[in-house]
Amino acid sequence: MADEQLRYTLRTNRELFQKFRYVAEYEGRSANKKIEQYLKRTVQQFEEKHGKINTNE
């Protein structure tokens, strides 16, 4: 069974990420889970406007 978890390196400003991590921890999430929430919301909003994205192409 293939690993469905994708590992991705994010390059960003250190201070910005430290603040982001603070916000995530304040909300009871890890920075990784907070990023995942943003990704899900962004895709959902896009698909609501433009239709389902086919990833099999």
N, C-alpha and C. Protein backbone atom coordinates (compact mmCIF):
# COMPACT_ATOMS: atom_id res chain seq x y z
N MET A 1 0.84 -1.18 0.00
CA MET A 1 0.00 0.00 0.00
C MET A 1 0.88 1.24 0.00
N ALA A 2 0.62 2.14 -0.91
CA ALA A 2 1.42 3.35 -1.04
C ALA A 2 1.09 4.33 0.09
N ASP A 3 2.08 5.04 0.53
CA ASP A 3 1.90 6.07 1.54
C ASP A 3 1.15 7.24 0.92
N GLU A 4 -0.01 7.59 1.46
CA GLU A 4 -0.82 8.67 0.91
C GLU A 4 -0.42 10.04 1.46
N GLN A 5 0.51 10.06 2.39
CA GLN A 5 0.98 11.31 2.96
C GLN A 5 2.11 11.87 2.10
N LEU A 6 1.92 13.07 1.59
CA LEU A 6 2.93 13.75 0.80
C LEU A 6 3.79 14.60 1.73
N ARG A 7 5.08 14.53 1.55
CA ARG A 7 5.98 15.38 2.32
C ARG A 7 6.43 16.51 1.40
N TYR A 8 6.30 17.72 1.90
CA TYR A 8 6.60 18.91 1.11
C TYR A 8 7.39 19.89 1.95
N THR A 9 8.46 20.43 1.40
CA THR A 9 9.27 21.41 2.11
C THR A 9 8.73 22.80 1.81
N LEU A 10 8.41 23.53 2.85
CA LEU A 10 7.90 24.89 2.71
C LEU A 10 9.01 25.87 3.07
N ARG A 11 9.29 26.78 2.14
CA ARG A 11 10.27 27.82 2.41
C ARG A 11 9.53 29.13 2.63
N THR A 12 9.71 29.71 3.80
CA THR A 12 9.02 30.95 4.13
C THR A 12 9.85 31.75 5.13
N ASN A 13 9.43 32.98 5.34
CA ASN A 13 10.09 33.86 6.28
C ASN A 13 10.01 33.27 7.69
N ARG A 14 11.13 33.25 8.38
CA ARG A 14 11.20 32.62 9.71
C ARG A 14 10.26 33.29 10.71
N GLU A 15 10.26 34.61 10.77
CA GLU A 15 9.41 35.31 11.73
C GLU A 15 7.93 35.07 11.43
N LEU A 16 7.56 35.10 10.16
CA LEU A 16 6.18 34.83 9.76
C LEU A 16 5.77 33.44 10.21
N PHE A 17 6.63 32.45 10.01
CA PHE A 17 6.28 31.08 10.40
C PHE A 17 6.19 30.94 11.91
N GLN A 18 7.06 31.62 12.65
CA GLN A 18 6.99 31.56 14.11
C GLN A 18 5.65 32.12 14.60
N LYS A 19 5.20 33.21 13.97
CA LYS A 19 3.90 33.78 14.34
C LYS A 19 2.77 32.83 13.95
N PHE A 20 2.88 32.22 12.78
CA PHE A 20 1.88 31.26 12.33
C PHE A 20 1.80 30.08 13.30
N ARG A 21 2.93 29.58 13.71
CA ARG A 21 2.96 28.47 14.67
C ARG A 21 2.30 28.88 15.99
N TYR A 22 2.53 30.10 16.43
CA TYR A 22 1.91 30.61 17.65
C TYR A 22 0.38 30.57 17.52
N VAL A 23 -0.13 31.07 16.38
CA VAL A 23 -1.58 31.08 16.13
C VAL A 23 -2.12 29.65 16.12
N ALA A 24 -1.43 28.76 15.44
CA ALA A 24 -1.87 27.37 15.36
C ALA A 24 -1.93 26.74 16.75
N GLU A 25 -0.90 26.93 17.54
CA GLU A 25 -0.88 26.36 18.89
C GLU A 25 -1.96 26.99 19.77
N TYR A 26 -2.22 28.28 19.59
CA TYR A 26 -3.29 28.95 20.33
C TYR A 26 -4.63 28.30 20.03
N GLU A 27 -4.82 27.86 18.77
CA GLU A 27 -6.05 27.20 18.36
C GLU A 27 -6.05 25.70 18.63
N GLY A 28 -4.99 25.20 19.25
CA GLY A 28 -4.93 23.79 19.62
C GLY A 28 -4.52 22.88 18.49
N ARG A 29 -3.84 23.42 17.47
CA ARG A 29 -3.40 22.62 16.33
C ARG A 29 -1.89 22.75 16.17
N SER A 30 -1.34 21.78 15.48
CA SER A 30 0.06 21.91 15.07
C SER A 30 0.09 22.82 13.84
N ALA A 31 1.25 23.36 13.52
CA ALA A 31 1.38 24.17 12.32
C ALA A 31 1.02 23.35 11.09
N ASN A 32 1.40 22.07 11.08
CA ASN A 32 1.09 21.21 9.96
C ASN A 32 -0.42 21.05 9.77
N LYS A 33 -1.15 20.82 10.85
CA LYS A 33 -2.60 20.67 10.75
C LYS A 33 -3.26 21.98 10.34
N LYS A 34 -2.73 23.09 10.79
CA LYS A 34 -3.27 24.40 10.40
C LYS A 34 -3.08 24.62 8.90
N ILE A 35 -1.92 24.27 8.37
CA ILE A 35 -1.68 24.38 6.94
C ILE A 35 -2.63 23.47 6.18
N GLU A 36 -2.83 22.25 6.68
CA GLU A 36 -3.74 21.31 6.05
C GLU A 36 -5.16 21.87 6.00
N GLN A 37 -5.58 22.55 7.07
CA GLN A 37 -6.91 23.18 7.08
C GLN A 37 -7.03 24.24 6.00
N TYR A 38 -5.99 25.05 5.83
CA TYR A 38 -5.98 26.07 4.78
C TYR A 38 -6.06 25.44 3.39
N LEU A 39 -5.31 24.38 3.19
CA LEU A 39 -5.33 23.70 1.90
C LEU A 39 -6.73 23.16 1.59
N LYS A 40 -7.32 22.49 2.55
CA LYS A 40 -8.66 21.94 2.35
C LYS A 40 -9.67 23.04 2.03
N ARG A 41 -9.62 24.13 2.79
CA ARG A 41 -10.55 25.24 2.58
C ARG A 41 -10.36 25.87 1.20
N THR A 42 -9.12 26.05 0.80
CA THR A 42 -8.82 26.65 -0.50
C THR A 42 -9.34 25.79 -1.64
N VAL A 43 -9.10 24.48 -1.57
CA VAL A 43 -9.57 23.57 -2.61
C VAL A 43 -11.10 23.54 -2.62
N GLN A 44 -11.72 23.49 -1.46
CA GLN A 44 -13.18 23.45 -1.38
C GLN A 44 -13.79 24.70 -2.02
N GLN A 45 -13.24 25.86 -1.71
CA GLN A 45 -13.76 27.11 -2.27
C GLN A 45 -13.57 27.15 -3.78
N PHE A 46 -12.44 26.68 -4.26
CA PHE A 46 -12.17 26.65 -5.70
C PHE A 46 -13.16 25.73 -6.39
N GLU A 47 -13.36 24.53 -5.84
CA GLU A 47 -14.26 23.56 -6.46
C GLU A 47 -15.71 24.03 -6.43
N GLU A 48 -16.10 24.75 -5.40
CA GLU A 48 -17.45 25.29 -5.35
C GLU A 48 -17.68 26.29 -6.48
N LYS A 49 -16.65 27.03 -6.82
CA LYS A 49 -16.75 28.05 -7.86
C LYS A 49 -16.54 27.49 -9.26
N HIS A 50 -15.59 26.55 -9.41
CA HIS A 50 -15.15 26.11 -10.74
C HIS A 50 -15.47 24.65 -11.06
N GLY A 51 -15.98 23.90 -10.09
CA GLY A 51 -16.26 22.49 -10.31
C GLY A 51 -15.15 21.61 -9.77
N LYS A 52 -15.47 20.35 -9.65
CA LYS A 52 -14.55 19.35 -9.08
C LYS A 52 -13.26 19.26 -9.89
N ILE A 53 -12.16 19.18 -9.19
CA ILE A 53 -10.85 19.04 -9.80
C ILE A 53 -10.57 17.55 -10.01
N ASN A 54 -10.21 17.16 -11.21
CA ASN A 54 -9.86 15.78 -11.52
C ASN A 54 -8.35 15.63 -11.40
N THR A 55 -7.90 14.83 -10.46
CA THR A 55 -6.46 14.65 -10.25
C THR A 55 -5.92 13.43 -10.97
N ASN A 56 -6.72 12.77 -11.78
CA ASN A 56 -6.30 11.57 -12.49
C ASN A 56 -5.67 11.87 -13.85
N GLU A 57 -5.55 13.14 -14.20
CA GLU A 57 -5.01 13.48 -15.52
C GLU A 57 -3.50 13.50 -15.52
